Amino acid sequence: MPPPTAFISATPVLASLDIQRSVEFFATRLRFTVLHAEQGVYGIVGQGGVHVHFWACADRRIAEATSCRLRVTGIAELYAQCREHGIVHPRAALADTPWGSREFAILDPDGNLVTFHEEP
């Protein structure tokens, strides 16, 4: 009998109106490494065990309706870094949630909502 299925990780794939701009935003503002950037096609950034992929999209409304959550440690430091860059979502400052996490969110240049959360 085969072993039970185990989910190992998830990789968000976000809509991007400009692949180069998307990967540069994550690289310069969030210290990700650019792993692939093919303008008009696809992009990938990574940091530690987290990768974020970008697919080329011509409709900003799609990106503005998209979001992802990235689990982190050291959220206070990341929040300070994002505040310095002026990218914290105006209605998503660092806060403790009723479900027990600590989190905040940013909007990338295309309008994707990226929420960072730290678990106790």
PDB file of N, CA and C in Angstrom:
ATOM      1  N   MET A   1       0.849  -1.180   0.000  1.00  0.00           N
ATOM      2  CA  MET A   1       0.000   0.000   0.000  1.00  0.00           C
ATOM      3  C   MET A   1       0.897   1.247   0.000  1.00  0.00           C
ATOM      4  N   PRO A   2       0.621   2.231  -0.885  1.00  0.00           N
ATOM      5  CA  PRO A   2       1.460   3.435  -0.940  1.00  0.00           C
ATOM      6  C   PRO A   2       1.289   4.279   0.322  1.00  0.00           C
ATOM      7  N   PRO A   3       2.328   5.059   0.667  1.00  0.00           N
ATOM      8  CA  PRO A   3       2.205   5.943   1.837  1.00  0.00           C
ATOM      9  C   PRO A   3       1.153   7.010   1.575  1.00  0.00           C
ATOM     10  N   PRO A   4       0.580   7.570   2.631  1.00  0.00           N
ATOM     11  CA  PRO A   4      -0.427   8.624   2.421  1.00  0.00           C
ATOM     12  C   PRO A   4       0.201   9.860   1.787  1.00  0.00           C
ATOM     13  N   THR A   5      -0.598  10.572   1.061  1.00  0.00           N
ATOM     14  CA  THR A   5      -0.145  11.820   0.450  1.00  0.00           C
ATOM     15  C   THR A   5       0.206  12.829   1.535  1.00  0.00           C
ATOM     16  N   ALA A   6       1.289  13.556   1.321  1.00  0.00           N
ATOM     17  CA  ALA A   6       1.686  14.630   2.237  1.00  0.00           C
ATOM     18  C   ALA A   6       1.966  15.875   1.416  1.00  0.00           C
ATOM     19  N   PHE A   7       1.323  16.959   1.737  1.00  0.00           N
ATOM     20  CA  PHE A   7       1.599  18.218   1.069  1.00  0.00           C
ATOM     21  C   PHE A   7       2.856  18.815   1.692  1.00  0.00           C
ATOM     22  N   ILE A   8       3.814  19.243   0.875  1.00  0.00           N
ATOM     23  CA  ILE A   8       5.127  19.683   1.354  1.00  0.00           C
ATOM     24  C   ILE A   8       5.260  21.206   1.372  1.00  0.00           C
ATOM     25  N   SER A   9       4.843  21.877   0.349  1.00  0.00           N
ATOM     26  CA  SER A   9       4.954  23.331   0.311  1.00  0.00           C
ATOM     27  C   SER A   9       3.964  23.885  -0.705  1.00  0.00           C
ATOM     28  N   ALA A  10       3.831  25.201  -0.710  1.00  0.00           N
ATOM     29  CA  ALA A  10       2.980  25.879  -1.682  1.00  0.00           C
ATOM     30  C   ALA A  10       3.763  27.045  -2.265  1.00  0.00           C
ATOM     31  N   THR A  11       3.535  27.338  -3.516  1.00  0.00           N
ATOM     32  CA  THR A  11       4.214  28.444  -4.179  1.00  0.00           C
ATOM     33  C   THR A  11       3.173  29.365  -4.792  1.00  0.00           C
ATOM     34  N   PRO A  12       3.051  30.587  -4.274  1.00  0.00           N
ATOM     35  CA  PRO A  12       2.103  31.506  -4.893  1.00  0.00           C
ATOM     36  C   PRO A  12       2.569  31.907  -6.291  1.00  0.00           C
ATOM     37  N   VAL A  13       1.606  32.053  -7.181  1.00  0.00           N
ATOM     38  CA  VAL A  13       1.873  32.522  -8.539  1.00  0.00           C
ATOM     39  C   VAL A  13       0.994  33.752  -8.732  1.00  0.00           C
ATOM     40  N   LEU A  14       1.634  34.921  -8.815  1.00  0.00           N
ATOM     41  CA  LEU A  14       0.926  36.191  -8.873  1.00  0.00           C
ATOM     42  C   LEU A  14       0.909  36.770 -10.278  1.00  0.00           C
ATOM     43  N   ALA A  15      -0.149  37.489 -10.587  1.00  0.00           N
ATOM     44  CA  ALA A  15      -0.246  38.176 -11.874  1.00  0.00           C
ATOM     45  C   ALA A  15       0.718  39.355 -11.896  1.00  0.00           C
ATOM     46  N   SER A  16       1.367  39.567 -13.029  1.00  0.00           N
ATOM     47  CA  SER A  16       2.318  40.658 -13.175  1.00  0.00           C
ATOM     48  C   SER A  16       2.109  41.362 -14.514  1.00  0.00           C
ATOM     49  N   LEU A  17       1.969  42.681 -14.452  1.00  0.00           N
ATOM     50  CA  LEU A  17       1.864  43.477 -15.676  1.00  0.00           C
ATOM     51  C   LEU A  17       3.233  43.743 -16.278  1.00  0.00           C
ATOM     52  N   ASP A  18       4.276  43.567 -15.470  1.00  0.00           N
ATOM     53  CA  ASP A  18       5.647  43.822 -15.905  1.00  0.00           C
ATOM     54  C   ASP A  18       6.559  42.907 -15.087  1.00  0.00           C
ATOM     55  N   ILE A  19       6.973  41.803 -15.681  1.00  0.00           N
ATOM     56  CA  ILE A  19       7.752  40.786 -14.969  1.00  0.00           C
ATOM     57  C   ILE A  19       9.012  41.389 -14.360  1.00  0.00           C
ATOM     58  N   GLN A  20       9.735  42.181 -15.113  1.00  0.00           N
ATOM     59  CA  GLN A  20      10.982  42.761 -14.601  1.00  0.00           C
ATOM     60  C   GLN A  20      10.721  43.635 -13.386  1.00  0.00           C
ATOM     61  N   ARG A  21       9.691  44.454 -13.449  1.00  0.00           N
ATOM     62  CA  ARG A  21       9.352  45.313 -12.309  1.00  0.00           C
ATOM     63  C   ARG A  21       8.962  44.471 -11.086  1.00  0.00           C
ATOM     64  N   SER A  22       8.223  43.398 -11.302  1.00  0.00           N
ATOM     65  CA  SER A  22       7.796  42.537 -10.189  1.00  0.00           C
ATOM     66  C   SER A  22       8.981  41.889  -9.493  1.00  0.00           C
ATOM     67  N   VAL A  23       9.889  41.304 -10.257  1.00  0.00           N
ATOM     68  CA  VAL A  23      11.028  40.631  -9.620  1.00  0.00           C
ATOM     69  C   VAL A  23      11.959  41.651  -8.966  1.00  0.00           C
ATOM     70  N   GLU A  24      12.123  42.824  -9.565  1.00  0.00           N
ATOM     71  CA  GLU A  24      12.962  43.861  -8.959  1.00  0.00           C
ATOM     72  C   GLU A  24      12.349  44.374  -7.656  1.00  0.00           C
ATOM     73  N   PHE A  25      11.034  44.504  -7.598  1.00  0.00           N
ATOM     74  CA  PHE A  25      10.359  44.933  -6.379  1.00  0.00           C
ATOM     75  C   PHE A  25      10.648  43.947  -5.240  1.00  0.00           C
ATOM     76  N   PHE A  26      10.468  42.669  -5.497  1.00  0.00           N
ATOM     77  CA  PHE A  26      10.724  41.668  -4.463  1.00  0.00           C
ATOM     78  C   PHE A  26      12.211  41.602  -4.108  1.00  0.00           C
ATOM     79  N   ALA A  27      13.077  41.819  -5.072  1.00  0.00           N
ATOM     80  CA  ALA A  27      14.517  41.766  -4.808  1.00  0.00           C
ATOM     81  C   ALA A  27      14.973  42.985  -4.003  1.00  0.00           C
ATOM     82  N   THR A  28      14.549  44.171  -4.381  1.00  0.00           N
ATOM     83  CA  THR A  28      15.054  45.370  -3.721  1.00  0.00           C
ATOM     84  C   THR A  28      14.321  45.705  -2.433  1.00  0.00           C
ATOM     85  N   ARG A  29      13.032  45.447  -2.368  1.00  0.00           N
ATOM     86  CA  ARG A  29      12.258  45.814  -1.179  1.00  0.00           C
ATOM     87  C   ARG A  29      12.203  44.702  -0.128  1.00  0.00           C
ATOM     88  N   LEU A  30      12.254  43.442  -0.592  1.00  0.00           N
ATOM     89  CA  LEU A  30      12.061  42.320   0.328  1.00  0.00           C
ATOM     90  C   LEU A  30      13.262  41.371   0.395  1.00  0.00           C
ATOM     91  N   ARG A  31      14.316  41.710  -0.333  1.00  0.00           N
ATOM     92  CA  ARG A  31      15.578  40.951  -0.319  1.00  0.00           C
ATOM     93  C   ARG A  31      15.449  39.518  -0.846  1.00  0.00           C
ATOM     94  N   PHE A  32      14.580  39.328  -1.820  1.00  0.00           N
ATOM     95  CA  PHE A  32      14.510  38.045  -2.504  1.00  0.00           C
ATOM     96  C   PHE A  32      15.599  38.004  -3.567  1.00  0.00           C
ATOM     97  N   THR A  33      15.958  36.814  -3.990  1.00  0.00           N
ATOM     98  CA  THR A  33      16.896  36.620  -5.087  1.00  0.00           C
ATOM     99  C   THR A  33      16.102  36.372  -6.365  1.00  0.00           C
ATOM    100  N   VAL A  34      16.477  37.041  -7.435  1.00  0.00           N
ATOM    101  CA  VAL A  34      15.829  36.809  -8.724  1.00  0.00           C
ATOM    102  C   VAL A  34      16.363  35.490  -9.282  1.00  0.00           C
ATOM    103  N   LEU A  35      15.461  34.558  -9.508  1.00  0.00           N
ATOM    104  CA  LEU A  35      15.848  33.252 -10.033  1.00  0.00           C
ATOM    105  C   LEU A  35      15.566  33.118 -11.530  1.00  0.00           C
ATOM    106  N   HIS A  36      14.577  33.873 -12.001  1.00  0.00           N
ATOM    107  CA  HIS A  36      14.243  33.837 -13.430  1.00  0.00           C
ATOM    108  C   HIS A  36      13.421  35.084 -13.738  1.00  0.00           C
ATOM    109  N   ALA A  37      13.687  35.718 -14.845  1.00  0.00           N
ATOM    110  CA  ALA A  37      12.903  36.873 -15.274  1.00  0.00           C
ATOM    111  C   ALA A  37      12.879  36.913 -16.790  1.00  0.00           C
ATOM    112  N   GLU A  38      11.770  36.526 -17.360  1.00  0.00           N
ATOM    113  CA  GLU A  38      11.593  36.578 -18.810  1.00  0.00           C
ATOM    114  C   GLU A  38      10.425  37.514 -19.083  1.00  0.00           C
ATOM    115  N   GLN A  39      10.756  38.748 -19.460  1.00  0.00           N
ATOM    116  CA  GLN A  39       9.756  39.788 -19.649  1.00  0.00           C
ATOM    117  C   GLN A  39       8.627  39.303 -20.549  1.00  0.00           C
ATOM    118  N   GLY A  40       7.380  39.547 -20.117  1.00  0.00           N
ATOM    119  CA  GLY A  40       6.221  39.147 -20.896  1.00  0.00           C
ATOM    120  C   GLY A  40       5.874  37.680 -20.796  1.00  0.00           C
ATOM    121  N   VAL A  41       6.633  36.920 -19.995  1.00  0.00           N
ATOM    122  CA  VAL A  41       6.379  35.482 -19.911  1.00  0.00           C
ATOM    123  C   VAL A  41       6.237  35.028 -18.453  1.00  0.00           C
ATOM    124  N   TYR A  42       7.353  35.023 -17.700  1.00  0.00           N
ATOM    125  CA  TYR A  42       7.334  34.413 -16.366  1.00  0.00           C
ATOM    126  C   TYR A  42       8.510  34.905 -15.540  1.00  0.00           C
ATOM    127  N   GLY A  43       8.313  34.973 -14.233  1.00  0.00           N
ATOM    128  CA  GLY A  43       9.383  35.360 -13.331  1.00  0.00           C
ATOM    129  C   GLY A  43       9.322  34.558 -12.043  1.00  0.00           C
ATOM    130  N   ILE A  44      10.478  34.406 -11.385  1.00  0.00           N
ATOM    131  CA  ILE A  44      10.567  33.668 -10.127  1.00  0.00           C
ATOM    132  C   ILE A  44      11.560  34.378  -9.225  1.00  0.00           C
ATOM    133  N   VAL A  45      11.160  34.567  -7.950  1.00  0.00           N
ATOM    134  CA  VAL A  45      12.070  35.066  -6.925  1.00  0.00           C
ATOM    135  C   VAL A  45      12.038  34.079  -5.770  1.00  0.00           C
ATOM    136  N   GLY A  46      13.121  34.073  -4.985  1.00  0.00           N
ATOM    137  CA  GLY A  46      13.162  33.165  -3.850  1.00  0.00           C
ATOM    138  C   GLY A  46      13.967  33.724  -2.707  1.00  0.00           C
ATOM    139  N   GLN A  47      13.602  33.285  -1.518  1.00  0.00           N
ATOM    140  CA  GLN A  47      14.368  33.601  -0.313  1.00  0.00           C
ATOM    141  C   GLN A  47      14.135  32.446   0.655  1.00  0.00           C
ATOM    142  N   GLY A  48      15.232  31.822   1.082  1.00  0.00           N
ATOM    143  CA  GLY A  48      15.082  30.645   1.938  1.00  0.00           C
ATOM    144  C   GLY A  48      14.258  29.588   1.215  1.00  0.00           C
ATOM    145  N   GLY A  49      13.288  29.044   1.899  1.00  0.00           N
ATOM    146  CA  GLY A  49      12.430  28.028   1.296  1.00  0.00           C
ATOM    147  C   GLY A  49      11.211  28.584   0.608  1.00  0.00           C
ATOM    148  N   VAL A  50      11.123  29.915   0.470  1.00  0.00           N
ATOM    149  CA  VAL A  50       9.952  30.543  -0.137  1.00  0.00           C
ATOM    150  C   VAL A  50      10.284  31.009  -1.547  1.00  0.00           C
ATOM    151  N   HIS A  51       9.434  30.638  -2.476  1.00  0.00           N
ATOM    152  CA  HIS A  51       9.519  31.132  -3.851  1.00  0.00           C
ATOM    153  C   HIS A  51       8.196  31.800  -4.194  1.00  0.00           C
ATOM    154  N   VAL A  52       8.266  32.863  -4.970  1.00  0.00           N
ATOM    155  CA  VAL A  52       7.074  33.502  -5.513  1.00  0.00           C
ATOM    156  C   VAL A  52       7.265  33.545  -7.017  1.00  0.00           C
ATOM    157  N   HIS A  53       6.257  33.094  -7.735  1.00  0.00           N
ATOM    158  CA  HIS A  53       6.293  33.092  -9.193  1.00  0.00           C
ATOM    159  C   HIS A  53       5.363  34.185  -9.712  1.00  0.00           C
ATOM    160  N   PHE A  54       5.646  34.671 -10.909  1.00  0.00           N
ATOM    161  CA  PHE A  54       4.845  35.702 -11.556  1.00  0.00           C
ATOM    162  C   PHE A  54       4.531  35.276 -12.981  1.00  0.00           C
ATOM    163  N   TRP A  55       3.286  35.390 -13.375  1.00  0.00           N
ATOM    164  CA  TRP A  55       2.905  35.123 -14.764  1.00  0.00           C
ATOM    165  C   TRP A  55       2.500  36.439 -15.420  1.00  0.00           C
ATOM    166  N   ALA A  56       2.836  36.577 -16.677  1.00  0.00           N
ATOM    167  CA  ALA A  56       2.546  37.811 -17.406  1.00  0.00           C
ATOM    168  C   ALA A  56       1.047  37.945 -17.619  1.00  0.00           C
ATOM    169  N   CYS A  57       0.537  39.113 -17.261  1.00  0.00           N
ATOM    170  CA  CYS A  57      -0.896  39.380 -17.312  1.00  0.00           C
ATOM    171  C   CYS A  57      -1.089  40.796 -17.838  1.00  0.00           C
ATOM    172  N   ALA A  58      -2.077  41.003 -18.662  1.00  0.00           N
ATOM    173  CA  ALA A  58      -2.319  42.335 -19.217  1.00  0.00           C
ATOM    174  C   ALA A  58      -3.464  43.069 -18.525  1.00  0.00           C
ATOM    175  N   ASP A  59      -4.121  42.431 -17.570  1.00  0.00           N
ATOM    176  CA  ASP A  59      -5.294  43.009 -16.918  1.00  0.00           C
ATOM    177  C   ASP A  59      -5.014  43.287 -15.441  1.00  0.00           C
ATOM    178  N   ARG A  60      -4.827  44.553 -15.090  1.00  0.00           N
ATOM    179  CA  ARG A  60      -4.517  44.924 -13.708  1.00  0.00           C
ATOM    180  C   ARG A  60      -5.599  44.469 -12.735  1.00  0.00           C
ATOM    181  N   ARG A  61      -6.850  44.384 -13.185  1.00  0.00           N
ATOM    182  CA  ARG A  61      -7.935  43.954 -12.299  1.00  0.00           C
ATOM    183  C   ARG A  61      -7.704  42.548 -11.762  1.00  0.00           C
ATOM    184  N   ILE A  62      -7.035  41.706 -12.537  1.00  0.00           N
ATOM    185  CA  ILE A  62      -6.744  40.341 -12.068  1.00  0.00           C
ATOM    186  C   ILE A  62      -5.756  40.405 -10.913  1.00  0.00           C
ATOM    187  N   ALA A  63      -4.682  41.169 -11.075  1.00  0.00           N
ATOM    188  CA  ALA A  63      -3.691  41.286  -9.998  1.00  0.00           C
ATOM    189  C   ALA A  63      -4.314  41.913  -8.756  1.00  0.00           C
ATOM    190  N   GLU A  64      -5.147  42.909  -8.938  1.00  0.00           N
ATOM    191  CA  GLU A  64      -5.770  43.585  -7.795  1.00  0.00           C
ATOM    192  C   GLU A  64      -6.752  42.692  -7.051  1.00  0.00           C
ATOM    193  N   ALA A  65      -7.132  41.580  -7.641  1.00  0.00           N
ATOM    194  CA  ALA A  65      -8.048  40.630  -6.995  1.00  0.00           C
ATOM    195  C   ALA A  65      -7.297  39.393  -6.485  1.00  0.00           C
ATOM    196  N   THR A  66      -5.967  39.480  -6.445  1.00  0.00           N
ATOM    197  CA  THR A  66      -5.143  38.337  -6.069  1.00  0.00           C
ATOM    198  C   THR A  66      -4.377  38.630  -4.784  1.00  0.00           C
ATOM    199  N   SER A  67      -4.176  37.588  -3.985  1.00  0.00           N
ATOM    200  CA  SER A  67      -3.385  37.757  -2.769  1.00  0.00           C
ATOM    201  C   SER A  67      -2.688  36.456  -2.424  1.00  0.00           C
ATOM    202  N   CYS A  68      -1.724  36.558  -1.519  1.00  0.00           N
ATOM    203  CA  CYS A  68      -1.067  35.361  -0.991  1.00  0.00           C
ATOM    204  C   CYS A  68      -0.594  35.669   0.420  1.00  0.00           C
ATOM    205  N   ARG A  69      -0.283  34.630   1.162  1.00  0.00           N
ATOM    206  CA  ARG A  69       0.222  34.754   2.531  1.00  0.00           C
ATOM    207  C   ARG A  69       1.567  34.055   2.599  1.00  0.00           C
ATOM    208  N   LEU A  70       2.548  34.730   3.203  1.00  0.00           N
ATOM    209  CA  LEU A  70       3.879  34.170   3.366  1.00  0.00           C
ATOM    210  C   LEU A  70       4.199  34.111   4.853  1.00  0.00           C
ATOM    211  N   ARG A  71       4.494  32.928   5.346  1.00  0.00           N
ATOM    212  CA  ARG A  71       4.830  32.760   6.761  1.00  0.00           C
ATOM    213  C   ARG A  71       6.297  33.104   6.970  1.00  0.00           C
ATOM    214  N   VAL A  72       6.570  33.920   7.991  1.00  0.00           N
ATOM    215  CA  VAL A  72       7.923  34.396   8.258  1.00  0.00           C
ATOM    216  C   VAL A  72       8.236  34.285   9.747  1.00  0.00           C
ATOM    217  N   THR A  73       9.497  34.463  10.073  1.00  0.00           N
ATOM    218  CA  THR A  73       9.919  34.729  11.443  1.00  0.00           C
ATOM    219  C   THR A  73      10.567  36.102  11.420  1.00  0.00           C
ATOM    220  N   GLY A  74      10.653  36.753  12.569  1.00  0.00           N
ATOM    221  CA  GLY A  74      11.232  38.097  12.603  1.00  0.00           C
ATOM    222  C   GLY A  74      10.335  39.121  11.949  1.00  0.00           C
ATOM    223  N   ILE A  75       9.040  38.993  12.162  1.00  0.00           N
ATOM    224  CA  ILE A  75       8.090  39.868  11.460  1.00  0.00           C
ATOM    225  C   ILE A  75       8.247  41.336  11.823  1.00  0.00           C
ATOM    226  N   ALA A  76       8.644  41.638  13.056  1.00  0.00           N
ATOM    227  CA  ALA A  76       8.814  43.047  13.445  1.00  0.00           C
ATOM    228  C   ALA A  76       9.908  43.709  12.608  1.00  0.00           C
ATOM    229  N   GLU A  77      10.996  42.994  12.371  1.00  0.00           N
ATOM    230  CA  GLU A  77      12.082  43.534  11.552  1.00  0.00           C
ATOM    231  C   GLU A  77      11.642  43.717  10.104  1.00  0.00           C
ATOM    232  N   LEU A  78      10.911  42.731   9.578  1.00  0.00           N
ATOM    233  CA  LEU A  78      10.410  42.836   8.206  1.00  0.00           C
ATOM    234  C   LEU A  78       9.432  44.001   8.090  1.00  0.00           C
ATOM    235  N   TYR A  79       8.586  44.171   9.070  1.00  0.00           N
ATOM    236  CA  TYR A  79       7.635  45.286   9.068  1.00  0.00           C
ATOM    237  C   TYR A  79       8.381  46.627   9.042  1.00  0.00           C
ATOM    238  N   ALA A  80       9.409  46.750   9.872  1.00  0.00           N
ATOM    239  CA  ALA A  80      10.198  47.986   9.888  1.00  0.00           C
ATOM    240  C   ALA A  80      10.832  48.246   8.523  1.00  0.00           C
ATOM    241  N   GLN A  81      11.355  47.203   7.906  1.00  0.00           N
ATOM    242  CA  GLN A  81      11.960  47.316   6.573  1.00  0.00           C
ATOM    243  C   GLN A  81      10.923  47.777   5.548  1.00  0.00           C
ATOM    244  N   CYS A  82       9.740  47.188   5.589  1.00  0.00           N
ATOM    245  CA  CYS A  82       8.690  47.557   4.632  1.00  0.00           C
ATOM    246  C   CYS A  82       8.174  48.972   4.881  1.00  0.00           C
ATOM    247  N   ARG A  83       8.124  49.392   6.134  1.00  0.00           N
ATOM    248  CA  ARG A  83       7.726  50.772   6.448  1.00  0.00           C
ATOM    249  C   ARG A  83       8.754  51.753   5.891  1.00  0.00           C
ATOM    250  N   GLU A  84      10.044  51.413   6.024  1.00  0.00           N
ATOM    251  CA  GLU A  84      11.096  52.283   5.478  1.00  0.00           C
ATOM    252  C   GLU A  84      10.925  52.480   3.977  1.00  0.00           C
ATOM    253  N   HIS A  85      10.489  51.425   3.293  1.00  0.00           N
ATOM    254  CA  HIS A  85      10.288  51.500   1.841  1.00  0.00           C
ATOM    255  C   HIS A  85       8.921  52.086   1.475  1.00  0.00           C
ATOM    256  N   GLY A  86       8.078  52.332   2.480  1.00  0.00           N
ATOM    257  CA  GLY A  86       6.766  52.918   2.218  1.00  0.00           C
ATOM    258  C   GLY A  86       5.820  51.993   1.484  1.00  0.00           C
ATOM    259  N   ILE A  87       5.910  50.673   1.736  1.00  0.00           N
ATOM    260  CA  ILE A  87       5.086  49.727   0.978  1.00  0.00           C
ATOM    261  C   ILE A  87       4.043  49.001   1.829  1.00  0.00           C
ATOM    262  N   VAL A  88       3.933  49.355   3.120  1.00  0.00           N
ATOM    263  CA  VAL A  88       2.916  48.719   3.960  1.00  0.00           C
ATOM    264  C   VAL A  88       1.541  49.191   3.516  1.00  0.00           C
ATOM    265  N   HIS A  89       0.617  48.258   3.367  1.00  0.00           N
ATOM    266  CA  HIS A  89      -0.760  48.599   2.983  1.00  0.00           C
ATOM    267  C   HIS A  89      -1.345  49.534   4.050  1.00  0.00           C
ATOM    268  N   PRO A  90      -1.987  50.621   3.662  1.00  0.00           N
ATOM    269  CA  PRO A  90      -2.476  51.591   4.650  1.00  0.00           C
ATOM    270  C   PRO A  90      -3.502  51.035   5.638  1.00  0.00           C
ATOM    271  N   ARG A  91      -4.158  49.948   5.299  1.00  0.00           N
ATOM    272  CA  ARG A  91      -5.136  49.355   6.208  1.00  0.00           C
ATOM    273  C   ARG A  91      -4.686  47.995   6.726  1.00  0.00           C
ATOM    274  N   ALA A  92      -3.375  47.728   6.674  1.00  0.00           N
ATOM    275  CA  ALA A  92      -2.896  46.406   7.101  1.00  0.00           C
ATOM    276  C   ALA A  92      -1.580  46.519   7.860  1.00  0.00           C
ATOM    277  N   ALA A  93      -1.548  47.391   8.858  1.00  0.00           N
ATOM    278  CA  ALA A  93      -0.355  47.541   9.696  1.00  0.00           C
ATOM    279  C   ALA A  93      -0.157  46.286  10.546  1.00  0.00           C
ATOM    280  N   LEU A  94       1.024  46.149  11.090  1.00  0.00           N
ATOM    281  CA  LEU A  94       1.354  45.003  11.934  1.00  0.00           C
ATOM    282  C   LEU A  94       0.378  44.918  13.109  1.00  0.00           C
ATOM    283  N   ALA A  95      -0.230  43.745  13.272  1.00  0.00           N
ATOM    284  CA  ALA A  95      -1.217  43.567  14.347  1.00  0.00           C
ATOM    285  C   ALA A  95      -1.331  42.089  14.702  1.00  0.00           C
ATOM    286  N   ASP A  96      -1.759  41.845  15.926  1.00  0.00           N
ATOM    287  CA  ASP A  96      -2.083  40.488  16.361  1.00  0.00           C
ATOM    288  C   ASP A  96      -3.516  40.193  15.919  1.00  0.00           C
ATOM    289  N   THR A  97      -3.741  38.967  15.442  1.00  0.00           N
ATOM    290  CA  THR A  97      -5.059  38.595  14.946  1.00  0.00           C
ATOM    291  C   THR A  97      -5.816  37.743  15.967  1.00  0.00           C
ATOM    292  N   PRO A  98      -7.136  37.670  15.847  1.00  0.00           N
ATOM    293  CA  PRO A  98      -7.915  36.814  16.735  1.00  0.00           C
ATOM    294  C   PRO A  98      -7.574  35.325  16.578  1.00  0.00           C
ATOM    295  N   TRP A  99      -6.995  34.945  15.418  1.00  0.00           N
ATOM    296  CA  TRP A  99      -6.655  33.537  15.186  1.00  0.00           C
ATOM    297  C   TRP A  99      -5.231  33.210  15.618  1.00  0.00           C
ATOM    298  N   GLY A 100      -4.557  34.171  16.254  1.00  0.00           N
ATOM    299  CA  GLY A 100      -3.295  33.882  16.913  1.00  0.00           C
ATOM    300  C   GLY A 100      -2.023  34.236  16.179  1.00  0.00           C
ATOM    301  N   SER A 101      -2.116  34.750  14.967  1.00  0.00           N
ATOM    302  CA  SER A 101      -0.899  35.129  14.251  1.00  0.00           C
ATOM    303  C   SER A 101      -0.657  36.628  14.423  1.00  0.00           C
ATOM    304  N   ARG A 102       0.523  37.025  14.051  1.00  0.00           N
ATOM    305  CA  ARG A 102       0.895  38.449  13.985  1.00  0.00           C
ATOM    306  C   ARG A 102       1.149  38.709  12.513  1.00  0.00           C
ATOM    307  N   GLU A 103       0.557  39.751  11.932  1.00  0.00           N
ATOM    308  CA  GLU A 103       0.686  39.933  10.486  1.00  0.00           C
ATOM    309  C   GLU A 103       0.516  41.370  10.039  1.00  0.00           C
ATOM    310  N   PHE A 104       0.973  41.602   8.801  1.00  0.00           N
ATOM    311  CA  PHE A 104       0.770  42.866   8.101  1.00  0.00           C
ATOM    312  C   PHE A 104       0.795  42.556   6.621  1.00  0.00           C
ATOM    313  N   ALA A 105       0.402  43.529   5.799  1.00  0.00           N
ATOM    314  CA  ALA A 105       0.341  43.286   4.360  1.00  0.00           C
ATOM    315  C   ALA A 105       0.931  44.456   3.577  1.00  0.00           C
ATOM    316  N   ILE A 106       1.337  44.138   2.363  1.00  0.00           N
ATOM    317  CA  ILE A 106       1.814  45.135   1.406  1.00  0.00           C
ATOM    318  C   ILE A 106       1.045  44.935   0.098  1.00  0.00           C
ATOM    319  N   LEU A 107       1.109  45.922  -0.767  1.00  0.00           N
ATOM    320  CA  LEU A 107       0.650  45.790  -2.141  1.00  0.00           C
ATOM    321  C   LEU A 107       1.871  45.874  -3.032  1.00  0.00           C
ATOM    322  N   ASP A 108       1.987  44.939  -3.962  1.00  0.00           N
ATOM    323  CA  ASP A 108       3.103  45.041  -4.905  1.00  0.00           C
ATOM    324  C   ASP A 108       2.720  46.053  -5.990  1.00  0.00           C
ATOM    325  N   PRO A 109       3.612  46.395  -6.911  1.00  0.00           N
ATOM    326  CA  PRO A 109       3.321  47.427  -7.909  1.00  0.00           C
ATOM    327  C   PRO A 109       2.108  47.134  -8.794  1.00  0.00           C
ATOM    328  N   ASP A 110       1.707  45.865  -8.885  1.00  0.00           N
ATOM    329  CA  ASP A 110       0.561  45.507  -9.726  1.00  0.00           C
ATOM    330  C   ASP A 110      -0.734  45.395  -8.941  1.00  0.00           C
ATOM    331  N   GLY A 111      -0.669  45.554  -7.610  1.00  0.00           N
ATOM    332  CA  GLY A 111      -1.874  45.494  -6.800  1.00  0.00           C
ATOM    333  C   GLY A 111      -2.111  44.170  -6.106  1.00  0.00           C
ATOM    334  N   ASN A 112      -1.187  43.196  -6.255  1.00  0.00           N
ATOM    335  CA  ASN A 112      -1.309  41.940  -5.514  1.00  0.00           C
ATOM    336  C   ASN A 112      -1.132  42.229  -4.027  1.00  0.00           C
ATOM    337  N   LEU A 113      -2.010  41.691  -3.205  1.00  0.00           N
ATOM    338  CA  LEU A 113      -1.901  41.836  -1.757  1.00  0.00           C
ATOM    339  C   LEU A 113      -1.035  40.692  -1.230  1.00  0.00           C
ATOM    340  N   VAL A 114       0.064  41.033  -0.548  1.00  0.00           N
ATOM    341  CA  VAL A 114       0.961  40.034   0.029  1.00  0.00           C
ATOM    342  C   VAL A 114       0.929  40.217   1.540  1.00  0.00           C
ATOM    343  N   THR A 115       0.427  39.209   2.246  1.00  0.00           N
ATOM    344  CA  THR A 115       0.344  39.259   3.699  1.00  0.00           C
ATOM    345  C   THR A 115       1.470  38.416   4.288  1.00  0.00           C
ATOM    346  N   PHE A 116       2.196  38.994   5.217  1.00  0.00           N
ATOM    347  CA  PHE A 116       3.248  38.289   5.940  1.00  0.00           C
ATOM    348  C   PHE A 116       2.685  37.953   7.316  1.00  0.00           C
ATOM    349  N   HIS A 117       2.871  36.715   7.752  1.00  0.00           N
ATOM    350  CA  HIS A 117       2.352  36.336   9.060  1.00  0.00           C
ATOM    351  C   HIS A 117       3.393  35.503   9.810  1.00  0.00           C
ATOM    352  N   GLU A 118       3.360  35.679  11.137  1.00  0.00           N
ATOM    353  CA  GLU A 118       4.253  34.925  12.036  1.00  0.00           C
ATOM    354  C   GLU A 118       3.368  34.230  13.051  1.00  0.00           C
ATOM    355  N   GLU A 119       3.635  32.952  13.231  1.00  0.00           N
ATOM    356  CA  GLU A 119       2.874  32.164  14.196  1.00  0.00           C
ATOM    357  C   GLU A 119       3.621  32.123  15.513  1.00  0.00           C
ATOM    358  N   PRO A 120       2.886  32.043  16.628  1.00  0.00           N
ATOM    359  CA  PRO A 120       3.560  31.997  17.938  1.00  0.00           C
ATOM    360  C   PRO A 120       4.389  30.733  18.132  1.00  0.00           C
TER     361      PRO A 120
END
